């Protein structure tokens, strides 16, 4: 996977327990639906708490893994790896 760290537009939802789930996002004008969240971890990057979502989706006919990062303090989403 290639490191991108691009800011993206995201549609996500919270459940009753406060767990955040990504639904779909837009990057470079293309809308990608998040089909499966495989793993969720947390890290601190320069003092900022970030959640990392390892996901996979069918993109251009192939099942491709990617990582999304959510910066908790600023509520910003990034496409980290693809």
N, C-alpha and C. Protein backbone atom coordinates (compact mmCIF):
# COMPACT_ATOMS: atom_id res chain seq x y z
N UNK A 1 0.84 -1.18 0.00
CA UNK A 1 0.00 0.00 0.00
C UNK A 1 0.88 1.24 0.00
N UNK A 2 0.41 2.26 -0.66
CA UNK A 2 1.13 3.51 -0.78
C UNK A 2 0.59 4.53 0.23
N UNK A 3 1.48 5.26 0.91
CA UNK A 3 1.06 6.27 1.88
C UNK A 3 0.65 7.53 1.13
N UNK A 4 -0.58 7.99 1.39
CA UNK A 4 -1.14 9.16 0.71
C UNK A 4 -1.37 10.34 1.66
N UNK A 5 -2.02 10.09 2.79
CA UNK A 5 -2.40 11.09 3.80
C UNK A 5 -3.13 12.27 3.16
N UNK A 6 -4.18 11.97 2.37
CA UNK A 6 -5.00 12.99 1.71
C UNK A 6 -6.22 13.29 2.56
N UNK A 7 -6.57 14.57 2.76
CA UNK A 7 -7.83 14.88 3.43
C UNK A 7 -9.00 14.48 2.52
N UNK A 8 -10.05 13.93 3.10
CA UNK A 8 -11.19 13.46 2.32
C UNK A 8 -12.49 13.94 2.92
N UNK A 9 -13.55 13.90 2.12
CA UNK A 9 -14.92 14.14 2.59
C UNK A 9 -15.50 12.79 2.96
N UNK A 10 -16.11 12.70 4.13
CA UNK A 10 -16.56 11.40 4.66
C UNK A 10 -18.02 11.47 5.11
N UNK A 11 -18.74 10.39 4.87
CA UNK A 11 -20.05 10.17 5.48
C UNK A 11 -19.87 9.00 6.45
N UNK A 12 -20.20 9.23 7.72
CA UNK A 12 -20.03 8.21 8.75
C UNK A 12 -21.21 8.30 9.72
N UNK A 13 -21.36 7.28 10.55
CA UNK A 13 -22.41 7.29 11.56
C UNK A 13 -21.86 6.81 12.90
N UNK A 14 -22.55 7.25 13.96
CA UNK A 14 -22.24 6.83 15.33
C UNK A 14 -23.36 5.91 15.80
N UNK A 15 -23.01 4.85 16.53
CA UNK A 15 -24.06 4.03 17.13
C UNK A 15 -24.35 4.56 18.53
N UNK A 16 -25.21 3.88 19.27
CA UNK A 16 -25.61 4.34 20.62
C UNK A 16 -24.45 4.35 21.60
N UNK A 17 -23.44 3.50 21.37
CA UNK A 17 -22.28 3.44 22.25
C UNK A 17 -21.21 4.47 21.90
N UNK A 18 -21.43 5.24 20.84
CA UNK A 18 -20.47 6.25 20.43
C UNK A 18 -19.40 5.74 19.47
N UNK A 19 -19.57 4.52 18.96
CA UNK A 19 -18.60 3.95 18.02
C UNK A 19 -18.82 4.54 16.64
N UNK A 20 -17.77 5.06 16.04
CA UNK A 20 -17.82 5.73 14.74
C UNK A 20 -17.55 4.73 13.63
N UNK A 21 -18.38 4.71 12.59
CA UNK A 21 -18.21 3.81 11.44
C UNK A 21 -18.24 4.60 10.14
N UNK A 22 -17.22 4.49 9.30
CA UNK A 22 -17.23 5.16 8.00
C UNK A 22 -18.18 4.43 7.03
N UNK A 23 -18.89 5.20 6.21
CA UNK A 23 -19.84 4.64 5.24
C UNK A 23 -19.29 4.78 3.82
N UNK A 24 -18.99 6.02 3.42
CA UNK A 24 -18.39 6.26 2.10
C UNK A 24 -17.65 7.59 2.13
N UNK A 25 -16.71 7.73 1.18
CA UNK A 25 -15.91 8.95 1.14
C UNK A 25 -15.61 9.35 -0.30
N UNK A 26 -15.21 10.59 -0.46
CA UNK A 26 -14.87 11.12 -1.78
C UNK A 26 -13.42 11.53 -1.79
N UNK A 27 -12.68 11.04 -2.80
CA UNK A 27 -11.28 11.42 -2.97
C UNK A 27 -11.06 11.64 -4.47
N UNK A 28 -10.49 12.77 -4.82
CA UNK A 28 -10.22 13.14 -6.22
C UNK A 28 -11.47 13.01 -7.09
N UNK A 29 -12.63 13.39 -6.55
CA UNK A 29 -13.88 13.36 -7.31
C UNK A 29 -14.53 11.99 -7.42
N UNK A 30 -13.91 10.95 -6.90
CA UNK A 30 -14.45 9.59 -6.95
C UNK A 30 -15.04 9.21 -5.60
N UNK A 31 -16.25 8.66 -5.60
CA UNK A 31 -16.91 8.23 -4.37
C UNK A 31 -16.62 6.74 -4.18
N UNK A 32 -16.11 6.40 -3.00
CA UNK A 32 -15.78 5.02 -2.66
C UNK A 32 -16.59 4.62 -1.43
N UNK A 33 -17.31 3.51 -1.56
CA UNK A 33 -18.11 2.99 -0.46
C UNK A 33 -17.25 2.04 0.37
N UNK A 34 -17.29 2.19 1.69
CA UNK A 34 -16.55 1.32 2.60
C UNK A 34 -17.39 0.06 2.80
N UNK A 35 -16.94 -1.05 2.22
CA UNK A 35 -17.71 -2.29 2.29
C UNK A 35 -17.47 -3.06 3.58
N UNK A 36 -16.22 -3.03 4.10
CA UNK A 36 -15.92 -3.78 5.31
C UNK A 36 -14.84 -3.08 6.11
N UNK A 37 -15.07 -2.92 7.41
CA UNK A 37 -14.05 -2.43 8.33
C UNK A 37 -13.44 -3.67 8.99
N UNK A 38 -12.17 -3.91 8.71
CA UNK A 38 -11.51 -5.12 9.20
C UNK A 38 -10.96 -4.96 10.61
N UNK A 39 -10.43 -3.76 10.90
CA UNK A 39 -9.74 -3.58 12.19
C UNK A 39 -9.73 -2.09 12.54
N UNK A 40 -9.90 -1.78 13.83
CA UNK A 40 -9.85 -0.40 14.30
C UNK A 40 -8.81 -0.32 15.41
N UNK A 41 -7.88 0.65 15.29
CA UNK A 41 -6.87 0.89 16.33
C UNK A 41 -6.82 2.37 16.63
N UNK A 42 -6.13 2.72 17.72
CA UNK A 42 -5.93 4.12 18.09
C UNK A 42 -4.44 4.38 18.22
N UNK A 43 -4.06 5.62 17.92
CA UNK A 43 -2.67 6.04 18.10
C UNK A 43 -2.64 7.52 18.45
N UNK A 44 -1.51 7.97 18.98
CA UNK A 44 -1.28 9.39 19.22
C UNK A 44 -0.17 9.82 18.28
N UNK A 45 -0.46 10.80 17.45
CA UNK A 45 0.49 11.32 16.48
C UNK A 45 0.72 12.79 16.81
N UNK A 46 1.90 13.13 17.29
CA UNK A 46 2.25 14.49 17.70
C UNK A 46 1.26 15.01 18.74
N UNK A 47 0.82 14.15 19.65
CA UNK A 47 -0.09 14.54 20.70
C UNK A 47 -1.56 14.52 20.31
N UNK A 48 -1.86 14.26 19.03
CA UNK A 48 -3.25 14.20 18.56
C UNK A 48 -3.72 12.76 18.54
N UNK A 49 -4.86 12.52 19.18
CA UNK A 49 -5.44 11.19 19.19
C UNK A 49 -6.07 10.90 17.83
N UNK A 50 -5.70 9.75 17.22
CA UNK A 50 -6.22 9.38 15.92
C UNK A 50 -6.74 7.95 15.95
N UNK A 51 -7.84 7.70 15.24
CA UNK A 51 -8.36 6.35 15.07
C UNK A 51 -8.02 5.89 13.67
N UNK A 52 -7.53 4.68 13.56
CA UNK A 52 -7.14 4.12 12.27
C UNK A 52 -8.10 2.99 11.93
N UNK A 53 -8.71 3.10 10.76
CA UNK A 53 -9.66 2.10 10.27
C UNK A 53 -9.02 1.37 9.10
N UNK A 54 -8.78 0.07 9.26
CA UNK A 54 -8.30 -0.75 8.14
C UNK A 54 -9.54 -1.34 7.47
N UNK A 55 -9.72 -0.99 6.21
CA UNK A 55 -10.94 -1.34 5.49
C UNK A 55 -10.62 -2.01 4.17
N UNK A 56 -11.68 -2.48 3.51
CA UNK A 56 -11.52 -2.98 2.15
C UNK A 56 -12.81 -2.74 1.39
N UNK A 57 -12.66 -2.51 0.08
CA UNK A 57 -13.78 -2.26 -0.81
C UNK A 57 -13.43 -2.75 -2.19
N UNK A 58 -14.47 -2.94 -2.99
CA UNK A 58 -14.25 -3.30 -4.39
C UNK A 58 -14.09 -2.00 -5.17
N UNK A 59 -12.90 -1.78 -5.73
CA UNK A 59 -12.58 -0.58 -6.49
C UNK A 59 -12.12 -1.02 -7.87
N UNK A 60 -12.82 -0.58 -8.89
CA UNK A 60 -12.52 -0.93 -10.28
C UNK A 60 -12.47 -2.45 -10.47
N UNK A 61 -13.40 -3.16 -9.83
CA UNK A 61 -13.51 -4.60 -10.00
C UNK A 61 -12.57 -5.43 -9.17
N UNK A 62 -11.74 -4.81 -8.33
CA UNK A 62 -10.80 -5.55 -7.48
C UNK A 62 -11.04 -5.21 -6.02
N UNK A 63 -10.90 -6.21 -5.16
CA UNK A 63 -11.01 -6.01 -3.72
C UNK A 63 -9.70 -5.40 -3.23
N UNK A 64 -9.75 -4.13 -2.77
CA UNK A 64 -8.52 -3.43 -2.40
C UNK A 64 -8.58 -2.99 -0.94
N UNK A 65 -7.50 -3.23 -0.19
CA UNK A 65 -7.43 -2.74 1.20
C UNK A 65 -6.98 -1.29 1.23
N UNK A 66 -7.39 -0.56 2.28
CA UNK A 66 -6.95 0.82 2.48
C UNK A 66 -7.09 1.17 3.95
N UNK A 67 -6.45 2.26 4.35
CA UNK A 67 -6.53 2.73 5.74
C UNK A 67 -7.06 4.15 5.76
N UNK A 68 -7.98 4.39 6.67
CA UNK A 68 -8.53 5.72 6.91
C UNK A 68 -8.10 6.16 8.29
N UNK A 69 -7.79 7.45 8.45
CA UNK A 69 -7.47 7.99 9.77
C UNK A 69 -8.47 9.08 10.11
N UNK A 70 -8.91 9.06 11.37
CA UNK A 70 -9.84 10.06 11.89
C UNK A 70 -9.15 10.79 13.03
N UNK A 71 -8.97 12.10 12.87
CA UNK A 71 -8.36 12.92 13.90
C UNK A 71 -9.46 13.38 14.85
N UNK A 72 -9.44 12.89 16.08
CA UNK A 72 -10.53 13.09 17.03
C UNK A 72 -10.70 14.55 17.41
N UNK A 73 -9.63 15.26 17.66
CA UNK A 73 -9.70 16.64 18.14
C UNK A 73 -10.30 17.59 17.09
N UNK A 74 -9.96 17.40 15.81
CA UNK A 74 -10.43 18.31 14.77
C UNK A 74 -11.55 17.71 13.93
N UNK A 75 -11.91 16.46 14.15
CA UNK A 75 -12.95 15.74 13.39
C UNK A 75 -12.65 15.69 11.89
N UNK A 76 -11.38 15.52 11.53
CA UNK A 76 -10.99 15.44 10.13
C UNK A 76 -10.66 14.01 9.75
N UNK A 77 -10.99 13.64 8.51
CA UNK A 77 -10.71 12.32 7.97
C UNK A 77 -9.61 12.41 6.93
N UNK A 78 -8.77 11.34 6.86
CA UNK A 78 -7.70 11.26 5.89
C UNK A 78 -7.68 9.86 5.28
N UNK A 79 -7.39 9.80 3.98
CA UNK A 79 -7.07 8.54 3.34
C UNK A 79 -5.59 8.35 3.53
N UNK A 80 -5.20 7.46 4.44
CA UNK A 80 -3.81 7.30 4.82
C UNK A 80 -3.04 6.41 3.85
N UNK A 81 -3.55 5.21 3.60
CA UNK A 81 -2.87 4.28 2.71
C UNK A 81 -3.87 3.67 1.74
N UNK A 82 -3.40 3.42 0.53
CA UNK A 82 -4.23 2.71 -0.46
C UNK A 82 -3.34 1.96 -1.40
